[in-house]
Every structure is written in C-alpha cells, then in structure tokens.
Amino acid sequence: MTLPRRFPRRCRRRGLYSLRAKLTLANVVLLAVGVVAATTFSAMGMRLYLLDSVDRELMTTRDSIGAARISMEQIDALSALVAVSNRASGEQAAGDADSLVQGAVFTALDDEGEPLTIAGFPPTAGQRALAAAVDDPAALVADDEPYDVDVAGSPHRVTAARMDDGTTVLLATSTASLHQVIAKALKLDFAVGGLLLATLACLTLFSVRRRMRPLEDMVETSSAIAEGDLTRRVPSSSEATLEVEQLRLALNSMLQQVETAYRTRERSAAQLRRFVGDASHELRTPLSAIRGYLQLYDKGMLTEPDERRRAWDRMNNEVDRMGHLVDELLTLARLDQRPELRLRNVDLTRLVRDAAADLRAQQPDRPVTVRAEGALLVRADESGLRQVLGNLVSNVRTHTPADVPVRLGVERSDGVVRLYVADEGPGLPEEDATRIFDRFFRAGGGTGSGLGMAIVQGVVETHGGEVTVTTAPGDGLKVTVTLGNSGARGSTEHAATVVRARSTTDHPQSPSRK
C-alpha cells in the first residue's frame, strides 16, 4: 500500500482565507454593526429628547402669549417701561429686542410678513433672517408643533402665535448647541466602539487560536500518517469544545480502522505470497517425481518389470498426493467464498460415533473412548461436520503413535454445543500451537499437506462457531469445536478462533500436527 505524501504547505498557510481570520472578521463586523446601530439609536433618542425640551419651552411661551390677550401697543409700552427701569438702575439695556425671551429670537410681523419695530427698536438682522426663513406664518400659527428652520446659517426651532390685535409673533430657539452635543456624543461613541472593535479582534484571534489548536493537531497527525506513521493519533486537549472532541474521537476511530485494515491487508498479502510459494513447492515435488520416472522410462533405463512396476506405483502415489492437495486447496477456496450451507438437523452423536468407528477400523490397537449419549441435534451442514471430524481424527492417526489413547465426545452446556477430539500424545509447544491453523504449516517439518486444520477452521467459521486448541509438550492435544444451539448462523458471521497453549516446561519437542 502506497501512502500519500505530506499535504502541501500552501494548503496549511494562514491568511485572510483561513478559518481563524474569517471568524475574527465575522465577530468584528457583527460588533461594528452593533456599535453603529446602538450609536444611531442613541443619537436619535438624544435628539428627540432635547428637541422635545426645546419644543415644550416654545409651546409654553406661545401659549402664554395667546392667553395674555395683549396687543402690539401694550408690548411697546411694556418695552418702554423696561428700558426706563434699566436706565434708572444703571443697568445696560439689552440692545436687541430679540432678548425679550431667554435663548430665543422674538419678532412681530405685519400683514405682509415684514418684521415690525418694537419699542422704538428697529428689527435686528436675526429678526429679519427669522422673518425671511418663515414662508407661511399663518400656517405656522395653526401648526401644533414647532419645526426646523435655518436662520442665518444656524438651525432653529420656530413656532408662531397670534396676538389679540391680530399681529403674528414668531418665536424661535437656536438648536446649534444641541447639535454640537450630539456630535460630541457621536464622536465619543465611535471612539469607544473603535476601541472595543480592536479589543474584540485581539481577543478573538487569541481565543480562536487556542480553540483551533486541536484542529492543527489533527492536520499534523494526518500529515504524519500520510508519511507512513500509522500509529499516530490525535491527542486530547483540555481546551477542546464538544464538537471538536467528537471530531477527534471519530477521527481516531477512523484512523484505528485504517491502521487495522492496512495491517490486515499487509498480513493477507504476506500470507498470500507464502501460500502461493508453499502451494507451488507442494505441487512441484510430485510433479518432479513423475517427470523423473517418465524420463527414466523414455531413456529406456527401466528395463526390469519390477522397476517399471515400482515406477508406476510411485507415479500413481504422487498423482494421488497431488490430487488430494488440489482437492484441499479447492475446499479452502470455496470456504473463503463463504458458500451457502445445506442446513439440516444433524445428530452430532451419530457423527462422533461414526468417526470413532472409522478410527478403530483403521487402527484396531488404539484405545478409543467415546462420550456421546442419546441424540444431539443441531442445524448444520452434515458433510462439513463430517469433514471436520475426519480431519481431526486423521490428524491424530497420522501424528501420534498407534497405541496412544484418544477421546471423542460431544456435549451441550451454557447454550452451546461442544464436540472435541483429544489425544494423550506428545502435544505441541506454544509457538507451534499459535500457528496450527496456518495453511501449509507443519510443526517440525512433519508429513501431511499442512491444510487439514485450516480446513477445520474454515468449516467451523462458516457455521458461525469457533475452534479452541489446548496443548502443551507432553500433555497431548485437545481440539474443541463450539457451535451454537441453532447451528450455522450464516456464512457472513464469523467467530474468533482461540488458541490456548499451556506453559511449556521441560518437555521434548513434538511432531507435526496439521
């Protein structure tokens, strides 16, 4: 398996297109929109509040003039008295008649809308500008609220009142100071908002950098794995959020699966290479023997009838051996494809007794003990289970002395069915017991094809069961096949194969078991 190279550095570069920059920019933009909106509403509220105060003062003055029911002549007389009083007290006169109302411009208009002389004082420039700024004094009298006008370049709020003799009086108050206050408040708000934006940008960069550290660890781990270090995992972080931690766990789980799949693929490839080599070697031996005898016969070197008979028998034996090997290879190939089983109710007790009877017929001197009473039915493929028992019994017959006792049995316990074949032969060392199901493995280079136990494992796994081997040098060998009460559970469900080897002490090496 070829692993990809490290991710290009340009994929990891930082800039305006990074997630960190985008999060920071989003936070700053959102805060900026909030600051602008808050400042705008604050300024509008402040302006409305201050204008309302000015309007109340103007409307109060207007209502007072209307309620007093005075005429222009009375105002002139009152103004003259005020002037005389100011001179008698040594105070300086106001100089401008527009100071009659504090902070306001006061002017009276004739029928043509021109400002009138009040108490002998001619209209000032402010009064003329106010009169010129009001287009329709009569409509202003009827209006319930003041409105904005521009008097000599200065903003004012203006209203009008009608005196008892029909004279129209304009009342205006400058709002320049109000606008200055609002402008200063806006400058202060924007200054504070800018400081908040800068602070938020710095805090966001710092916070996002800490929060993004687990993602950077994931990138580094992925790069290391891409370079071949399949054992790397994403470390946990104390600052990770729930989503990032979930992503870390999912990524580590995926990496574990990838590593397992990669190791399994490598192991399978190695096993396949070893299998092909072993199969080639096993087939090459009988073919070489047959080719040698044919060459001897072709060259006329087999002149005696006995020699020709011996050569013929040897070639037949090698052909039989090769045919048996090919049959076992085909059996393993079919088991690897998980074929459909011909399920039926099978009496395991009968199968065990038949296997014991076959062993007694082939080796009459071997003590055979059978523990199989009554009928024990399971749903299974009968031919497959017969092959399992046949291989186990053949393994005992081939690799143990003819006088070694053998025990065969079947029992049901804990909801499963177990059948076993045990002998009291020399047993196997632990390193050989762990490889007993490998194809073409023969402990100590013994006889046989080395495929018998592999076929046993394949058939049992196809039935959804497991095979357990218990052995040790000098303690014999016991193979236990465990099946569920319902027998086969489908060709796609497999159970693990367990090998248990007792500790090896001072015992001699054992012959092959395959």
Protein backbone atom coordinates (compact mmCIF):
# COMPACT_ATOMS: atom_id res chain seq x y z
CA MET A 1 0.00 0.00 0.00
CA THR A 2 1.46 3.33 -1.07
CA LEU A 3 0.84 6.17 1.34
CA PRO A 4 0.35 9.72 0.02
CA ARG A 5 2.94 12.39 0.61
CA ARG A 6 2.63 15.14 3.19
CA PHE A 7 -0.02 17.72 2.47
CA PRO A 8 1.35 20.73 0.53
CA ARG A 9 2.34 23.64 2.71
CA ARG A 10 0.18 26.02 0.73
CA CYS A 11 -2.85 24.07 1.97
CA ARG A 12 -1.90 24.96 5.53
CA ARG A 13 -0.89 28.58 5.04
CA ARG A 14 -2.54 31.23 7.13
CA GLY A 15 -4.14 34.36 5.69
CA LEU A 16 -7.40 36.08 5.04
CA TYR A 17 -8.84 32.81 3.75
CA SER A 18 -8.11 30.90 6.94
CA LEU A 19 -10.90 29.96 9.32
CA ARG A 20 -9.21 31.94 12.07
CA ALA A 21 -9.26 35.15 10.01
CA LYS A 22 -12.84 34.58 8.88
CA LEU A 23 -14.09 34.04 12.44
CA THR A 24 -12.26 37.15 13.63
CA LEU A 25 -13.60 39.22 10.74
CA ALA A 26 -17.14 37.96 11.34
CA ASN A 27 -17.01 38.89 15.02
CA VAL A 28 -15.57 42.34 14.28
CA VAL A 29 -18.15 43.03 11.56
CA LEU A 30 -21.01 41.94 13.81
CA LEU A 31 -19.76 44.15 16.65
CA ALA A 32 -19.25 47.06 14.25
CA VAL A 33 -22.83 46.72 13.02
CA GLY A 34 -23.99 46.60 16.63
CA VAL A 35 -21.94 49.68 17.59
CA VAL A 36 -23.24 51.66 14.62
CA ALA A 37 -26.82 50.63 15.28
CA ALA A 38 -26.56 51.41 19.00
CA THR A 39 -24.92 54.77 18.33
CA THR A 40 -27.53 55.68 15.75
CA PHE A 41 -30.43 54.86 18.01
CA SER A 42 -28.75 56.61 20.92
CA ALA A 43 -28.20 59.77 18.87
CA MET A 44 -31.75 59.70 17.59
CA GLY A 45 -33.10 59.26 21.12
CA MET A 46 -30.92 62.06 22.46
CA ARG A 47 -32.00 64.42 19.67
CA LEU A 48 -35.65 63.64 20.20
CA TYR A 49 -35.31 64.20 23.94
CA LEU A 50 -33.51 67.56 23.59
CA LEU A 51 -35.80 68.75 20.82
CA ASP A 52 -38.79 67.83 22.94
CA SER A 53 -37.42 70.02 25.74
CA VAL A 54 -36.94 72.95 23.36
CA ASP A 55 -40.37 72.44 21.84
CA ARG A 56 -42.01 72.43 25.28
CA GLU A 57 -40.40 75.77 26.13
CA LEU A 58 -41.50 77.30 22.81
CA MET A 59 -45.05 76.00 23.13
CA THR A 60 -45.26 77.27 26.73
CA THR A 61 -44.21 80.77 25.59
CA ARG A 62 -46.64 80.61 22.70
CA ASP A 63 -49.50 79.58 24.97
CA SER A 64 -48.62 82.37 27.42
CA ILE A 65 -48.74 84.99 24.68
CA GLY A 66 -52.08 83.70 23.47
CA ALA A 67 -53.55 83.59 26.96
CA ALA A 68 -52.35 87.09 27.87
CA ARG A 69 -54.59 88.68 25.14
CA ILE A 70 -52.30 91.68 24.71
CA SER A 71 -51.78 93.86 21.68
CA MET A 72 -48.73 95.27 19.98
CA GLU A 73 -49.28 98.70 21.59
CA GLN A 74 -49.20 97.15 25.04
CA ILE A 75 -45.97 95.36 24.19
CA ASP A 76 -44.41 98.65 23.07
CA ALA A 77 -45.48 100.31 26.34
CA LEU A 78 -44.12 97.46 28.39
CA SER A 79 -40.87 97.57 26.48
CA ALA A 80 -40.56 101.33 27.12
CA LEU A 81 -41.11 100.83 30.85
CA VAL A 82 -38.43 98.12 30.88
CA ALA A 83 -35.99 100.47 29.12
CA VAL A 84 -36.67 103.31 31.62
CA SER A 85 -36.24 100.91 34.54
CA ASN A 86 -32.93 99.68 33.21
CA ARG A 87 -31.59 103.27 32.78
CA ALA A 88 -32.71 104.29 36.29
CA SER A 89 -30.95 101.33 37.85
CA GLY A 90 -27.76 101.96 35.85
CA GLU A 91 -28.04 98.68 34.01
CA GLN A 92 -27.16 98.45 30.36
CA ALA A 93 -30.12 97.85 28.09
CA ALA A 94 -30.40 94.66 26.25
CA GLY A 95 -29.70 96.37 22.96
CA ASP A 96 -31.61 93.79 20.90
CA ALA A 97 -35.31 93.24 21.23
CA ASP A 98 -34.82 89.56 20.43
CA SER A 99 -33.60 89.06 24.01
CA LEU A 100 -37.10 89.52 25.43
CA VAL A 101 -37.38 85.77 25.54
CA GLN A 102 -34.30 83.97 27.10
CA GLY A 103 -32.35 81.99 24.46
CA ALA A 104 -34.90 82.80 21.77
CA VAL A 105 -35.43 85.11 18.82
CA PHE A 106 -38.64 87.15 19.08
CA THR A 107 -40.11 89.18 16.23
CA ALA A 108 -43.50 90.52 15.25
CA LEU A 109 -44.71 90.55 11.63
CA ASP A 110 -47.04 92.89 9.77
CA ASP A 111 -49.64 91.77 7.29
CA GLU A 112 -47.00 91.43 4.58
CA GLY A 113 -44.71 89.25 6.75
CA GLU A 114 -42.16 92.01 7.41
CA PRO A 115 -40.72 92.43 10.92
CA LEU A 116 -42.10 95.39 12.97
CA THR A 117 -40.32 97.93 15.14
CA ILE A 118 -40.76 97.12 18.83
CA ALA A 119 -40.47 99.87 21.49
CA GLY A 120 -38.67 102.08 19.02
CA PHE A 121 -36.04 99.50 18.26
CA PRO A 122 -35.71 98.60 14.57
CA PRO A 123 -35.64 94.91 13.59
CA THR A 124 -32.26 93.26 14.04
CA ALA A 125 -30.51 91.09 11.50
CA GLY A 126 -31.59 87.99 13.40
CA GLN A 127 -35.23 89.08 13.36
CA ARG A 128 -35.12 89.81 9.63
CA ALA A 129 -33.46 86.45 8.96
CA LEU A 130 -36.14 84.70 11.03
CA ALA A 131 -38.93 86.50 9.15
CA ALA A 132 -37.33 85.60 5.83
CA ALA A 133 -36.96 81.93 6.85
CA VAL A 134 -40.70 81.50 7.58
CA ASP A 135 -42.68 81.25 4.36
CA ASP A 136 -46.21 80.99 5.79
CA PRO A 137 -46.61 82.44 9.31
CA ALA A 138 -50.37 81.80 9.28
CA ALA A 139 -49.85 78.07 8.74
CA LEU A 140 -47.23 78.06 11.49
CA VAL A 141 -49.79 79.58 13.91
CA ALA A 142 -52.18 76.76 13.13
CA ASP A 143 -49.48 74.08 13.49
CA ASP A 144 -49.42 72.22 16.81
CA GLU A 145 -45.65 71.62 16.82
CA PRO A 146 -42.59 73.74 16.03
CA TYR A 147 -40.46 72.87 13.04
CA ASP A 148 -36.87 73.35 11.92
CA VAL A 149 -35.71 76.41 10.02
CA ASP A 150 -32.31 77.76 9.07
CA VAL A 151 -31.77 81.27 10.40
CA ALA A 152 -28.63 82.93 9.04
CA GLY A 153 -26.96 79.55 8.71
CA SER A 154 -27.89 78.41 12.22
CA PRO A 155 -30.53 75.73 12.91
CA HIS A 156 -33.57 76.90 14.90
CA ARG A 157 -36.89 75.53 16.07
CA VAL A 158 -39.70 78.04 15.35
CA THR A 159 -43.39 78.48 16.18
CA ALA A 160 -45.85 81.37 15.90
CA ALA A 161 -48.62 82.96 17.98
CA ARG A 162 -51.38 85.45 17.09
CA MET A 163 -51.86 88.43 19.42
CA ASP A 164 -55.14 89.99 20.41
CA ASP A 165 -54.91 92.70 17.70
CA GLY A 166 -54.15 90.08 15.01
CA THR A 167 -50.38 90.63 14.88
CA THR A 168 -48.34 87.47 14.25
CA VAL A 169 -45.37 86.87 16.53
CA LEU A 170 -42.56 84.44 15.65
CA LEU A 171 -40.73 82.59 18.42
CA ALA A 172 -37.52 80.68 17.60
CA THR A 173 -34.81 78.96 19.64
CA SER A 174 -31.39 78.01 18.31
CA THR A 175 -30.54 74.29 18.32
CA ALA A 176 -26.87 74.70 17.37
CA SER A 177 -25.68 73.74 20.86
CA LEU A 178 -27.95 70.71 20.74
CA HIS A 179 -26.35 69.52 17.52
CA GLN A 180 -22.89 70.14 18.99
CA VAL A 181 -23.74 67.98 21.98
CA ILE A 182 -25.00 65.21 19.69
CA ALA A 183 -21.87 65.45 17.52
CA LYS A 184 -19.60 65.16 20.56
CA ALA A 185 -21.60 62.19 21.81
CA LEU A 186 -21.28 60.50 18.40
CA LYS A 187 -17.51 61.07 18.36
CA LEU A 188 -17.22 59.59 21.84
CA ASP A 189 -19.39 56.58 20.93
CA PHE A 190 -17.41 55.87 17.78
CA ALA A 191 -14.12 56.22 19.66
CA VAL A 192 -15.26 53.78 22.32
CA GLY A 193 -16.68 51.49 19.61
CA GLY A 194 -13.38 51.51 17.72
CA LEU A 195 -11.53 50.60 20.90
CA LEU A 196 -13.99 47.79 21.52
CA LEU A 197 -13.53 46.54 17.96
CA ALA A 198 -9.75 46.45 18.34
CA THR A 199 -10.05 44.69 21.69
CA LEU A 200 -12.51 42.17 20.28
CA ALA A 201 -10.26 41.47 17.30
CA CYS A 202 -7.29 40.74 19.58
CA LEU A 203 -9.33 38.58 21.96
CA THR A 204 -10.94 36.69 19.08
CA LEU A 205 -7.57 35.97 17.46
CA PHE A 206 -6.22 34.68 20.76
CA SER A 207 -9.32 32.64 21.59
CA VAL A 208 -9.68 31.17 18.10
CA ARG A 209 -6.01 30.25 18.09
CA ARG A 210 -6.49 28.29 21.30
CA ARG A 211 -9.71 26.70 20.07
CA MET A 212 -8.17 25.83 16.71
CA ARG A 213 -5.17 24.10 18.25
CA PRO A 214 -6.91 20.66 18.28
CA LEU A 215 -7.64 21.08 14.57
CA GLU A 216 -3.98 21.88 13.94
CA ASP A 217 -3.11 18.71 15.84
CA MET A 218 -5.43 16.81 13.53
CA VAL A 219 -3.63 18.26 10.50
CA GLU A 220 -0.24 17.31 11.93
CA THR A 221 -1.47 13.80 12.74
CA SER A 222 -2.89 13.36 9.25
CA SER A 223 0.39 14.54 7.75
CA ALA A 224 2.35 12.09 9.90
CA ILE A 225 0.04 9.24 8.88
CA ALA A 226 0.39 10.26 5.24
CA GLU A 227 4.15 9.88 5.65
CA GLY A 228 3.72 6.33 6.97
CA ASP A 229 3.33 6.60 10.74
CA LEU A 230 0.05 4.73 11.08
CA THR A 231 0.31 4.62 14.89
CA ARG A 232 -0.19 8.38 15.30
CA ARG A 233 -3.42 9.53 16.91
CA VAL A 234 -4.90 12.95 17.62
CA PRO A 235 -4.10 13.86 21.24
CA SER A 236 -6.81 15.13 23.55
CA SER A 237 -6.93 18.79 24.50
CA SER A 238 -8.21 20.38 27.69
CA GLU A 239 -9.47 23.37 25.70
CA ALA A 240 -11.38 21.44 23.05
CA THR A 241 -15.08 22.11 22.55
CA LEU A 242 -17.66 19.34 22.47
CA GLU A 243 -17.83 19.31 18.67
CA VAL A 244 -14.04 19.25 18.29
CA GLU A 245 -13.75 16.46 20.86
CA GLN A 246 -16.39 14.45 19.00
CA LEU A 247 -14.45 15.02 15.78
CA ARG A 248 -11.23 13.90 17.50
CA LEU A 249 -12.81 10.69 18.75
CA ALA A 250 -14.36 9.96 15.34
CA LEU A 251 -11.06 10.66 13.58
CA ASN A 252 -9.10 8.45 15.98
CA SER A 253 -11.65 5.68 15.49
CA MET A 254 -11.33 6.03 11.72
CA LEU A 255 -7.53 6.02 11.95
CA GLN A 256 -7.70 2.86 14.06
CA GLN A 257 -9.83 1.22 11.39
CA VAL A 258 -7.46 2.41 8.66
CA GLU A 259 -4.45 1.05 10.52
CA THR A 260 -6.22 -2.25 11.17
CA ALA A 261 -7.27 -2.53 7.53
CA TYR A 262 -3.77 -1.69 6.37
CA ARG A 263 -2.15 -4.20 8.71
CA THR A 264 -4.73 -6.82 7.71
CA ARG A 265 -4.05 -6.14 4.04
CA GLU A 266 -0.32 -6.42 4.54
CA ARG A 267 -0.73 -9.60 6.54
CA SER A 268 -3.11 -11.03 3.95
CA ALA A 269 -0.70 -10.14 1.16
CA ALA A 270 2.14 -11.81 3.04
CA GLN A 271 0.00 -14.87 3.72
CA LEU A 272 -0.99 -14.99 0.05
CA ARG A 273 2.64 -14.83 -1.06
CA ARG A 274 3.55 -17.53 1.45
CA PHE A 275 0.55 -19.59 0.38
CA VAL A 276 1.43 -19.37 -3.30
CA GLY A 277 5.03 -20.29 -2.53
CA ASP A 278 4.03 -23.24 -0.35
CA ALA A 279 1.46 -24.45 -2.85
CA SER A 280 3.99 -24.23 -5.65
CA HIS A 281 6.50 -26.15 -3.57
CA GLU A 282 3.98 -28.82 -2.60
CA LEU A 283 2.91 -29.31 -6.22
CA ARG A 284 6.44 -29.18 -7.54
CA THR A 285 7.55 -32.21 -5.51
CA PRO A 286 5.12 -34.79 -7.01
CA LEU A 287 5.50 -33.26 -10.46
CA SER A 288 9.28 -33.56 -10.23
CA ALA A 289 8.99 -37.20 -9.16
CA ILE A 290 6.62 -38.02 -12.03
CA ARG A 291 8.81 -36.18 -14.53
CA GLY A 292 11.89 -38.09 -13.28
CA TYR A 293 10.27 -41.50 -13.70
CA LEU A 294 8.99 -40.55 -17.15
CA GLN A 295 12.48 -39.51 -18.19
CA LEU A 296 13.88 -42.80 -16.95
CA TYR A 297 11.25 -44.66 -18.91
CA ASP A 298 11.85 -42.55 -22.03
CA LYS A 299 15.57 -43.23 -21.93
CA GLY A 300 14.99 -46.97 -21.56
CA MET A 301 16.59 -47.16 -18.17
CA LEU A 302 13.65 -49.11 -16.67
CA THR A 303 14.37 -52.48 -18.25
CA GLU A 304 13.22 -54.77 -15.49
CA PRO A 305 9.48 -55.41 -14.95
CA ASP A 306 9.88 -54.84 -11.20
CA GLU A 307 11.50 -51.47 -11.83
CA ARG A 308 8.71 -50.45 -14.19
CA ARG A 309 6.09 -51.63 -11.67
CA ARG A 310 7.76 -49.69 -8.86
CA ALA A 311 7.99 -46.58 -11.04
CA TRP A 312 4.32 -46.94 -11.99
CA ASP A 313 3.27 -47.30 -8.37
CA ARG A 314 5.36 -44.28 -7.34
CA MET A 315 3.83 -42.12 -10.06
CA ASN A 316 0.34 -43.22 -9.04
CA ASN A 317 1.10 -42.34 -5.45
CA GLU A 318 2.40 -38.90 -6.42
CA VAL A 319 -0.65 -38.31 -8.62
CA ASP A 320 -2.91 -39.28 -5.74
CA ARG A 321 -0.96 -36.99 -3.42
CA MET A 322 -1.20 -34.11 -5.88
CA GLY A 323 -4.91 -34.74 -6.43
CA HIS A 324 -5.52 -34.78 -2.67
CA LEU A 325 -3.61 -31.50 -2.31
CA VAL A 326 -5.58 -29.88 -5.13
CA ASP A 327 -8.86 -31.05 -3.57
CA GLU A 328 -7.90 -29.49 -0.25
CA LEU A 329 -6.92 -26.24 -1.97
CA LEU A 330 -10.28 -26.16 -3.77
CA THR A 331 -12.04 -26.81 -0.47
CA LEU A 332 -10.25 -23.87 1.15
CA ALA A 333 -11.05 -21.68 -1.86
CA ARG A 334 -14.74 -22.50 -1.56
CA LEU A 335 -14.68 -21.83 2.18
CA ASP A 336 -13.06 -18.43 1.56
CA GLN A 337 -16.03 -17.56 -0.67
CA ARG A 338 -18.47 -18.36 2.17
CA PRO A 339 -20.70 -20.77 0.27
CA GLU A 340 -24.33 -21.38 1.09
CA LEU A 341 -24.66 -24.27 3.53
CA ARG A 342 -27.08 -27.15 3.13
CA LEU A 343 -28.60 -26.87 6.56
CA ARG A 344 -30.48 -29.71 8.11
CA ASN A 345 -30.91 -31.32 11.52
CA VAL A 346 -27.70 -33.25 12.13
CA ASP A 347 -27.18 -35.70 15.00
CA LEU A 348 -23.68 -34.90 16.29
CA THR A 349 -23.72 -38.02 18.47
CA ARG A 350 -24.00 -40.21 15.39
CA LEU A 351 -21.20 -38.34 13.63
CA VAL A 352 -18.87 -38.77 16.61
CA ARG A 353 -19.61 -42.50 16.87
CA ASP A 354 -19.03 -42.95 13.12
CA ALA A 355 -15.67 -41.15 13.37
CA ALA A 356 -14.67 -43.37 16.32
CA ALA A 357 -15.70 -46.50 14.41
CA ASP A 358 -13.60 -45.43 11.42
CA LEU A 359 -10.59 -44.88 13.68
CA ARG A 360 -10.99 -48.32 15.32
CA ALA A 361 -11.22 -49.95 11.89
CA GLN A 362 -8.02 -48.26 10.72
CA GLN A 363 -6.06 -48.70 13.99
CA PRO A 364 -7.52 -51.59 15.99
CA ASP A 365 -4.83 -51.34 18.67
CA ARG A 366 -5.55 -47.69 19.57
CA PRO A 367 -7.66 -47.16 22.73
CA VAL A 368 -10.68 -45.02 21.72
CA THR A 369 -13.11 -43.58 24.27
CA VAL A 370 -16.43 -42.08 23.13
CA ARG A 371 -18.67 -39.83 25.21
CA ALA A 372 -21.76 -39.33 23.09
CA GLU A 373 -25.06 -40.43 24.56
CA GLY A 374 -28.52 -40.03 23.16
CA ALA A 375 -29.26 -37.73 20.22
CA LEU A 376 -27.92 -34.18 19.99
CA LEU A 377 -29.36 -32.28 17.02
CA VAL A 378 -28.04 -29.04 15.52
CA ARG A 379 -28.84 -27.17 12.30
CA ALA A 380 -25.69 -27.60 10.25
CA ASP A 381 -24.18 -28.95 7.03
CA GLU A 382 -23.59 -32.65 7.64
CA SER A 383 -20.85 -33.09 5.04
CA GLY A 384 -18.92 -30.16 6.50
CA LEU A 385 -19.07 -31.52 10.05
CA ARG A 386 -18.05 -34.97 8.83
CA GLN A 387 -15.04 -33.38 7.14
CA VAL A 388 -14.14 -31.60 10.40
CA LEU A 389 -14.25 -34.84 12.40
CA GLY A 390 -12.45 -36.71 9.63
CA ASN A 391 -9.58 -34.20 9.57
CA LEU A 392 -9.26 -34.20 13.36
CA VAL A 393 -9.22 -37.99 13.55
CA SER A 394 -6.79 -38.19 10.61
CA ASN A 395 -4.53 -35.71 12.38
CA VAL A 396 -4.45 -37.95 15.47
CA ARG A 397 -3.91 -41.09 13.40
CA THR A 398 -1.03 -39.58 11.41
CA HIS A 399 0.89 -37.72 14.10
CA THR A 400 0.58 -39.88 17.23
CA PRO A 401 1.74 -43.44 17.93
CA ALA A 402 -0.83 -46.16 17.28
CA ASP A 403 -1.15 -47.04 20.98
CA VAL A 404 -1.91 -43.50 22.22
CA PRO A 405 -5.43 -43.24 23.74
CA VAL A 406 -7.94 -40.96 22.01
CA ARG A 407 -11.13 -39.43 23.42
CA LEU A 408 -14.05 -38.24 21.28
CA GLY A 409 -17.13 -36.61 22.74
CA VAL A 410 -19.99 -34.17 22.34
CA GLU A 411 -21.89 -32.23 24.98
CA ARG A 412 -24.32 -29.34 25.36
CA SER A 413 -23.73 -26.70 28.04
CA ASP A 414 -24.26 -22.98 28.55
CA GLY A 415 -26.48 -22.79 25.48
CA VAL A 416 -23.85 -24.11 23.06
CA VAL A 417 -22.77 -27.49 21.70
CA ARG A 418 -19.17 -28.64 22.00
CA LEU A 419 -17.55 -31.62 20.31
CA TYR A 420 -13.92 -32.48 20.97
CA VAL A 421 -11.16 -34.81 19.91
CA ALA A 422 -8.35 -35.27 22.42
CA ASP A 423 -5.26 -37.48 22.48
CA GLU A 424 -2.52 -38.16 25.01
CA GLY A 425 0.30 -37.78 22.52
CA PRO A 426 3.41 -35.61 22.73
CA GLY A 427 1.48 -32.33 22.22
CA LEU A 428 2.78 -29.10 20.72
CA PRO A 429 4.94 -26.25 22.01
CA GLU A 430 3.29 -22.84 22.36
CA GLU A 431 4.90 -21.30 19.26
CA ASP A 432 3.61 -24.16 17.10
CA ALA A 433 0.15 -24.13 18.73
CA THR A 434 -0.35 -20.49 17.79
CA ARG A 435 0.29 -21.35 14.11
CA ILE A 436 -1.64 -24.58 13.95
CA PHE A 437 -4.33 -23.09 11.70
CA ASP A 438 -1.88 -21.51 9.24
CA ARG A 439 -2.02 -23.01 5.79
CA PHE A 440 0.87 -25.32 4.85
CA PHE A 441 2.22 -25.11 8.38
CA ARG A 442 3.69 -28.38 9.62
CA ALA A 443 5.27 -28.36 13.04
CA GLY A 444 8.75 -29.86 12.96
CA GLY A 445 8.53 -30.40 9.20
CA GLY A 446 6.28 -33.43 9.60
CA THR A 447 4.25 -35.20 6.95
CA GLY A 448 0.92 -34.15 5.53
CA SER A 449 -0.19 -31.26 3.37
CA GLY A 450 -0.50 -28.76 6.23
CA LEU A 451 -4.07 -27.87 5.23
CA GLY A 452 -6.16 -30.14 7.45
CA MET A 453 -6.54 -27.78 10.43
CA ALA A 454 -7.02 -24.79 8.13
CA ILE A 455 -9.99 -26.62 6.59
CA VAL A 456 -11.34 -27.39 10.07
CA GLN A 457 -11.16 -23.72 10.98
CA GLY A 458 -12.80 -22.65 7.71
CA VAL A 459 -15.72 -25.06 8.04
CA VAL A 460 -16.34 -24.16 11.69
CA GLU A 461 -16.22 -20.41 10.97
CA THR A 462 -18.68 -20.91 8.11
CA HIS A 463 -21.02 -22.45 10.68
CA GLY A 464 -20.54 -19.43 12.95
CA GLY A 465 -18.57 -21.37 15.55
CA GLU A 466 -15.06 -21.33 16.96
CA VAL A 467 -12.18 -23.75 17.35
CA THR A 468 -10.17 -23.96 20.54
CA VAL A 469 -6.85 -25.79 20.82
CA THR A 470 -5.42 -26.76 24.20
CA THR A 471 -1.98 -28.33 24.19
CA ALA A 472 1.48 -28.36 25.71
CA PRO A 473 4.57 -30.54 25.14
CA GLY A 474 3.92 -33.92 26.76
CA ASP A 475 0.28 -33.16 27.62
CA GLY A 476 -1.37 -34.17 24.39
CA LEU A 477 -3.63 -32.17 22.13
CA LYS A 478 -7.32 -31.34 22.53
CA VAL A 479 -9.32 -29.66 19.77
CA THR A 480 -12.76 -28.34 20.77
CA VAL A 481 -15.35 -27.19 18.24
CA THR A 482 -18.07 -24.94 19.68
CA LEU A 483 -21.36 -24.38 17.83
CA GLY A 484 -24.50 -22.55 18.80
CA ASN A 485 -27.66 -24.48 19.59
CA SER A 486 -29.13 -23.27 16.31
CA GLY A 487 -26.10 -24.45 14.37
CA ALA A 488 -24.96 -22.28 11.50
CA ARG A 489 -25.72 -18.59 11.77
CA GLY A 490 -24.95 -17.60 8.18
CA SER A 491 -21.86 -17.61 6.10
CA THR A 492 -21.14 -13.95 6.74
CA GLU A 493 -20.94 -14.19 10.53
CA HIS A 494 -17.63 -15.34 11.93
CA ALA A 495 -16.41 -16.11 15.39
CA ALA A 496 -12.88 -15.66 16.57
CA THR A 497 -10.56 -18.63 16.74
CA VAL A 498 -8.97 -19.07 20.14
CA VAL A 499 -5.74 -20.93 20.73
CA ARG A 500 -4.79 -21.70 24.31
CA ALA A 501 -1.41 -23.25 24.93
CA ARG A 502 -0.38 -24.29 28.43
CA SER A 503 3.04 -23.22 29.61
CA THR A 504 5.90 -25.19 28.13
CA THR A 505 8.27 -26.68 30.66
CA ASP A 506 10.84 -29.45 30.39
CA HIS A 507 9.10 -31.42 27.64
CA PRO A 508 10.50 -32.68 24.36
CA GLN A 509 9.56 -31.14 21.02
CA SER A 510 6.52 -32.70 19.39
CA PRO A 511 5.94 -33.98 15.90
CA SER A 512 3.83 -32.21 13.32
CA ARG A 513 0.13 -31.55 13.88
CA LYS A 514 -1.64 -30.44 10.74
